[in-house]
Amino acid sequence: MKFLVKRFNKIFNKEKYFKIKFNEQEEKRQNFLNSFKENIDKIRFVLREKKEINFLHSGQLGDIICSLPVIYSLSKKKCNLFLNIKNDNKFLNFQLYKKLLPLLKNQPYIAKVDTFKNQIIDIDLDLFRNFPFLWFSANKIFLQLTGLHFDLSKRFIYSKKIDKFKKKIVIIRSLRRQNKSINYSFLKNYGELIFLGLKDEFINLKKQLSTLCYYKCDNFLEMCSIINSSRLFIGNASFGYHLAEGLKVKRVLEKSSDGPDITPFGNTGYEFFFQEDFEKICKSLLKN
């Protein structure tokens, strides 16, 4: 009956239809929070009582990076991270796990990283997928779920620097979440440019930027070290940008209407929607 009323109003009474739709969404969010209370209570108990905490995450790659401030904020405890390998293209497969492992093991606040083999899990970070408030920054969702605080303007990823990359501008621009009104060709005037993403992403950007060079990283710790060493990082909403955000290097984020959950925190992060702002930001950051 509710469905028929809704359909009727959608056709004949738009104002009432949108009011019904709004109320349904609010009811859905409230029901979620009510049903989620047991999970929240468990998380709070674990954080309060346990000295060693086992976390679970199934990916995607960027989501894993966004969850790290939660673990960092508990650095006085022993924190272990278990990754659930699903071997599909959407979440974390074993090939990506092998590339990610050196990076996670390099973080001093993670005691142990391993694949999930039915270990006892204290906090399931995959719960964020059910979180209804999608306007939150991805980093903040994990903090909200655990009730923890972390200053997101501070660094939460560590890697060494590689001297030969210190004069290079690093770009990672995924095919998803591109702002189609943006053109990168002006960057050819700013020196050495290297691309660290996938080969098809590189080929796509090379059409605009003929001086762009491709570098294939052995693993994500190497990628992180190159970004950490660079003169400037530029990218859209992607795993690469999450690394730059965690490192707090000078970084520029290409915003699109499809990526509202990614936000720079701290005074070394910049973002743009328009070409004029993109060129102005880069000119300012690359003037020396």
Protein backbone atom coordinates (compact mmCIF):
# COMPACT_ATOMS: atom_id res chain seq x y z
CA MET A 1 0.00 0.00 0.00
CA LYS A 2 2.81 2.41 0.88
CA PHE A 3 4.39 1.76 -2.51
CA LEU A 4 1.15 2.67 -4.34
CA VAL A 5 0.72 5.87 -2.30
CA LYS A 6 4.29 6.83 -3.08
CA ARG A 7 3.87 6.15 -6.79
CA PHE A 8 0.61 8.13 -6.89
CA ASN A 9 2.18 11.15 -5.24
CA LYS A 10 5.24 10.96 -7.46
CA ILE A 11 2.94 11.58 -10.42
CA PHE A 12 0.26 13.87 -8.94
CA ASN A 13 1.75 15.53 -5.85
CA LYS A 14 5.51 16.10 -6.06
CA GLU A 15 5.75 18.00 -2.79
CA LYS A 16 4.13 15.18 -0.83
CA TYR A 17 6.24 12.60 -2.69
CA PHE A 18 9.51 14.26 -1.70
CA LYS A 19 8.31 14.58 1.90
CA ILE A 20 7.51 10.85 1.99
CA LYS A 21 10.89 10.05 0.44
CA PHE A 22 12.71 12.25 2.97
CA ASN A 23 10.88 10.65 5.90
CA GLU A 24 11.70 7.17 4.58
CA GLN A 25 15.39 8.04 4.35
CA GLU A 26 15.41 9.47 7.88
CA GLU A 27 13.60 6.40 9.20
CA LYS A 28 16.11 4.15 7.45
CA ARG A 29 19.04 6.01 9.02
CA GLN A 30 17.51 5.92 12.48
CA ASN A 31 16.70 2.21 12.20
CA PHE A 32 20.28 1.60 11.17
CA LEU A 33 21.66 3.46 14.18
CA ASN A 34 19.30 1.61 16.51
CA SER A 35 20.25 -1.79 15.07
CA PHE A 36 23.90 -0.79 15.11
CA LYS A 37 23.96 0.01 18.82
CA GLU A 38 25.03 -3.51 19.76
CA ASN A 39 28.04 -3.23 17.45
CA ILE A 40 28.92 0.21 18.78
CA ASP A 41 28.67 -0.97 22.40
CA LYS A 42 30.99 -3.89 21.61
CA ILE A 43 33.53 -1.58 19.96
CA ARG A 44 33.49 0.79 22.94
CA PHE A 45 33.97 -2.11 25.37
CA VAL A 46 36.92 -3.50 23.39
CA LEU A 47 38.61 -0.10 23.17
CA ARG A 48 38.15 0.46 26.90
CA GLU A 49 39.10 -2.97 28.24
CA LYS A 50 41.52 -4.72 25.89
CA LYS A 51 45.25 -4.10 25.57
CA GLU A 52 45.54 -6.04 22.30
CA ILE A 53 43.03 -5.42 19.52
CA ASN A 54 42.45 -7.40 16.32
CA PHE A 55 41.03 -5.43 13.39
CA LEU A 56 39.47 -6.86 10.23
CA HIS A 57 39.25 -5.15 6.83
CA SER A 58 38.29 -6.46 3.38
CA GLY A 59 39.31 -3.45 1.30
CA GLN A 60 39.11 -1.63 -1.08
CA LEU A 61 42.66 -0.31 -0.99
CA GLY A 62 41.73 3.31 -0.33
CA ASP A 63 39.32 2.29 2.43
CA ILE A 64 42.11 0.41 4.21
CA ILE A 65 44.30 3.51 4.13
CA CYS A 66 41.41 5.66 5.42
CA SER A 67 41.01 3.35 8.41
CA LEU A 68 44.64 3.70 9.54
CA PRO A 69 44.06 6.83 11.73
CA VAL A 70 41.85 4.65 13.94
CA ILE A 71 44.70 2.18 14.51
CA TYR A 72 47.25 4.99 14.87
CA SER A 73 45.14 6.62 17.59
CA LEU A 74 45.46 3.36 19.57
CA SER A 75 49.24 3.17 19.25
CA LYS A 76 49.63 2.64 23.02
CA LYS A 77 47.86 -0.70 22.58
CA LYS A 78 48.99 -3.68 20.53
CA CYS A 79 47.02 -3.51 17.27
CA ASN A 80 46.87 -6.30 14.69
CA LEU A 81 45.31 -5.94 11.25
CA PHE A 82 43.86 -8.96 9.44
CA LEU A 83 42.90 -8.56 5.80
CA ASN A 84 40.10 -10.61 4.29
CA ILE A 85 41.10 -11.86 0.83
CA LYS A 86 38.03 -12.18 -1.40
CA ASN A 87 39.80 -12.60 -4.75
CA ASP A 88 37.47 -10.40 -6.75
CA ASN A 89 37.95 -7.12 -8.57
CA LYS A 90 35.91 -5.03 -6.13
CA PHE A 91 37.63 -5.81 -2.85
CA LEU A 92 41.04 -7.15 -1.86
CA ASN A 93 42.59 -10.01 -3.83
CA PHE A 94 45.84 -11.81 -3.05
CA GLN A 95 47.87 -9.96 -5.69
CA LEU A 96 46.93 -6.59 -4.20
CA TYR A 97 47.51 -7.94 -0.69
CA LYS A 98 51.11 -8.84 -1.58
CA LYS A 99 51.71 -5.32 -2.90
CA LEU A 100 50.07 -3.71 0.14
CA LEU A 101 51.76 -5.86 2.80
CA PRO A 102 55.19 -4.12 2.80
CA LEU A 103 53.52 -0.73 3.26
CA LEU A 104 51.38 -1.85 6.19
CA LYS A 105 54.28 -3.67 7.85
CA ASN A 106 56.28 -0.45 7.64
CA GLN A 107 53.80 1.41 9.86
CA PRO A 108 55.17 1.41 13.44
CA TYR A 109 51.73 1.43 15.10
CA ILE A 110 50.64 -1.90 13.54
CA ALA A 111 52.05 -4.85 15.45
CA LYS A 112 51.00 -7.57 13.00
CA VAL A 113 49.52 -7.78 9.50
CA ASP A 114 48.22 -11.04 8.08
CA THR A 115 45.43 -12.59 6.05
CA PHE A 116 42.20 -13.41 7.84
CA LYS A 117 42.01 -17.09 8.77
CA ASN A 118 39.11 -17.02 11.21
CA GLN A 119 41.10 -15.28 13.95
CA ILE A 120 39.09 -13.72 16.76
CA ILE A 121 38.19 -10.21 15.58
CA ASP A 122 37.55 -7.40 18.04
CA ILE A 123 36.65 -4.62 15.60
CA ASP A 124 35.27 -5.28 12.11
CA LEU A 125 36.17 -2.19 10.08
CA ASP A 126 33.95 -3.42 7.23
CA LEU A 127 31.01 -2.10 9.25
CA PHE A 128 31.63 1.30 7.66
CA ARG A 129 29.97 0.04 4.47
CA ASN A 130 26.60 0.21 6.22
CA PHE A 131 27.12 3.73 7.48
CA PRO A 132 24.28 5.88 6.06
CA PHE A 133 25.88 9.33 6.32
CA LEU A 134 27.81 9.34 3.06
CA TRP A 135 28.71 13.03 3.17
CA PHE A 136 31.35 12.29 5.80
CA SER A 137 34.96 12.16 4.72
CA ALA A 138 35.99 8.51 4.35
CA ASN A 139 38.60 9.02 7.09
CA LYS A 140 36.00 10.40 9.49
CA ILE A 141 33.56 7.52 9.04
CA PHE A 142 35.98 5.10 10.73
CA LEU A 143 36.58 7.55 13.57
CA GLN A 144 32.83 8.04 14.06
CA LEU A 145 32.24 4.30 14.22
CA THR A 146 34.86 3.81 16.92
CA GLY A 147 34.28 7.05 18.81
CA LEU A 148 37.99 7.86 18.58
CA HIS A 149 39.65 11.16 17.80
CA PHE A 150 42.58 11.72 15.50
CA ASP A 151 43.86 15.03 14.15
CA LEU A 152 43.55 14.36 10.41
CA SER A 153 45.91 17.22 9.63
CA LYS A 154 48.71 15.05 11.02
CA ARG A 155 50.67 12.40 9.18
CA PHE A 156 49.59 8.77 9.61
CA ILE A 157 51.66 6.97 6.95
CA TYR A 158 55.43 6.52 7.10
CA SER A 159 57.96 5.65 4.41
CA LYS A 160 61.50 6.57 3.50
CA LYS A 161 62.45 9.12 0.83
CA ILE A 162 64.24 8.31 -2.42
CA ASP A 163 66.61 11.08 -3.47
CA LYS A 164 66.27 10.62 -7.24
CA PHE A 165 62.56 11.52 -7.13
CA LYS A 166 62.84 14.78 -5.17
CA LYS A 167 62.54 17.01 -8.27
CA LYS A 168 59.71 15.07 -9.87
CA ILE A 169 56.01 15.82 -9.98
CA VAL A 170 54.05 12.62 -9.34
CA ILE A 171 50.61 12.05 -10.85
CA ILE A 172 48.07 9.28 -10.24
CA ARG A 173 44.76 9.88 -12.02
CA SER A 174 42.27 7.04 -12.11
CA LEU A 175 39.79 6.68 -14.96
CA ARG A 176 36.97 6.89 -12.44
CA ARG A 177 36.06 10.17 -10.79
CA GLN A 178 37.71 12.34 -13.40
CA ASN A 179 36.62 15.93 -13.83
CA LYS A 180 36.12 15.99 -17.60
CA SER A 181 36.51 19.76 -17.80
CA ILE A 182 40.13 19.57 -16.56
CA ASN A 183 43.18 19.50 -18.81
CA TYR A 184 46.67 18.64 -17.52
CA SER A 185 48.65 19.81 -20.58
CA PHE A 186 49.92 23.03 -18.92
CA LEU A 187 52.05 20.93 -16.55
CA LYS A 188 54.58 20.26 -19.32
CA ASN A 189 56.13 23.62 -18.38
CA TYR A 190 56.96 22.50 -14.84
CA GLY A 191 59.68 19.91 -15.27
CA GLU A 192 59.81 16.13 -14.84
CA LEU A 193 56.47 14.36 -14.62
CA ILE A 194 55.97 10.71 -13.70
CA PHE A 195 52.82 8.62 -13.54
CA LEU A 196 52.51 5.81 -10.95
CA GLY A 197 49.04 4.42 -11.63
CA LEU A 198 47.82 1.72 -14.00
CA LYS A 199 49.07 1.58 -17.58
CA ASP A 200 45.68 2.33 -19.14
CA GLU A 201 45.35 5.36 -16.84
CA PHE A 202 48.76 6.55 -18.00
CA ILE A 203 47.85 6.13 -21.68
CA ASN A 204 44.67 8.12 -21.09
CA LEU A 205 46.52 11.08 -19.53
CA LYS A 206 49.42 10.90 -22.00
CA LYS A 207 47.00 12.16 -24.65
CA GLN A 208 46.96 15.49 -22.82
CA LEU A 209 50.48 15.47 -21.46
CA SER A 210 53.07 14.27 -23.96
CA THR A 211 56.04 14.72 -21.57
CA LEU A 212 54.54 12.34 -19.00
CA CYS A 213 56.67 9.26 -18.16
CA TYR A 214 55.46 5.97 -16.72
CA TYR A 215 57.01 4.28 -13.69
CA LYS A 216 55.90 0.83 -12.56
CA CYS A 217 56.20 0.31 -8.81
CA ASP A 218 57.11 -3.11 -7.40
CA ASN A 219 54.76 -2.61 -4.44
CA PHE A 220 52.82 0.09 -2.62
CA LEU A 221 55.61 0.84 -0.16
CA GLU A 222 57.78 1.88 -3.12
CA MET A 223 54.88 3.94 -4.50
CA CYS A 224 54.51 5.58 -1.09
CA SER A 225 58.23 6.37 -0.91
CA ILE A 226 58.20 7.98 -4.36
CA ILE A 227 55.19 10.13 -3.44
CA ASN A 228 56.92 11.03 -0.16
CA SER A 229 60.02 12.13 -2.07
CA SER A 230 58.31 14.14 -4.80
CA ARG A 231 58.19 17.84 -5.44
CA LEU A 232 54.39 17.69 -5.69
CA PHE A 233 51.65 15.05 -5.91
CA ILE A 234 48.61 15.55 -8.15
CA GLY A 235 45.69 13.17 -8.44
CA ASN A 236 41.97 12.57 -8.29
CA ALA A 237 40.05 10.44 -5.78
CA SER A 238 42.13 7.26 -5.88
CA PHE A 239 44.33 5.00 -3.78
CA GLY A 240 47.32 7.14 -4.73
CA TYR A 241 45.71 10.27 -3.35
CA HIS A 242 44.93 8.47 -0.07
CA LEU A 243 48.65 7.70 0.26
CA ALA A 244 49.57 11.34 -0.37
CA GLU A 245 46.96 12.41 2.19
CA GLY A 246 48.39 10.04 4.79
CA LEU A 247 51.94 11.24 4.11
CA LYS A 248 50.89 14.93 4.24
CA VAL A 249 53.11 15.81 1.30
CA LYS A 250 52.26 18.79 -0.87
CA ARG A 251 49.27 17.48 -2.81
CA VAL A 252 46.57 18.70 -5.15
CA LEU A 253 43.22 16.89 -5.42
CA GLU A 254 41.15 16.97 -8.61
CA LYS A 255 37.55 17.10 -7.41
CA SER A 256 34.56 15.84 -9.34
CA SER A 257 30.86 15.54 -8.59
CA ASP A 258 31.45 11.80 -8.07
CA GLY A 259 33.98 12.13 -5.24
CA PRO A 260 32.51 14.17 -2.36
CA ASP A 261 33.87 11.85 0.35
CA ILE A 262 37.52 12.76 -0.25
CA THR A 263 38.81 15.89 1.49
CA PRO A 264 42.33 17.24 2.11
CA PHE A 265 43.16 17.90 5.77
CA GLY A 266 46.06 20.12 6.78
CA ASN A 267 47.82 23.10 5.24
CA THR A 268 49.74 21.08 2.60
CA GLY A 269 46.58 19.83 0.86
CA TYR A 270 44.76 21.67 -1.94
CA GLU A 271 41.72 20.88 -4.07
CA PHE A 272 40.08 22.26 -7.21
CA PHE A 273 37.00 21.92 -9.40
CA PHE A 274 37.94 24.40 -12.11
CA GLN A 275 40.83 24.65 -14.57
CA GLU A 276 41.74 28.19 -13.57
CA ASP A 277 42.14 27.14 -9.92
CA PHE A 278 44.17 24.07 -10.89
CA GLU A 279 46.69 26.17 -12.81
CA LYS A 280 46.81 28.85 -10.12
CA ILE A 281 47.49 26.32 -7.33
CA CYS A 282 50.24 24.55 -9.30
CA LYS A 283 51.89 27.84 -10.22
CA SER A 284 52.00 28.83 -6.56
CA LEU A 285 53.31 25.47 -5.31
CA LEU A 286 55.90 25.02 -8.09
CA LYS A 287 57.26 28.56 -8.28
CA ASN A 288 60.54 27.65 -6.57
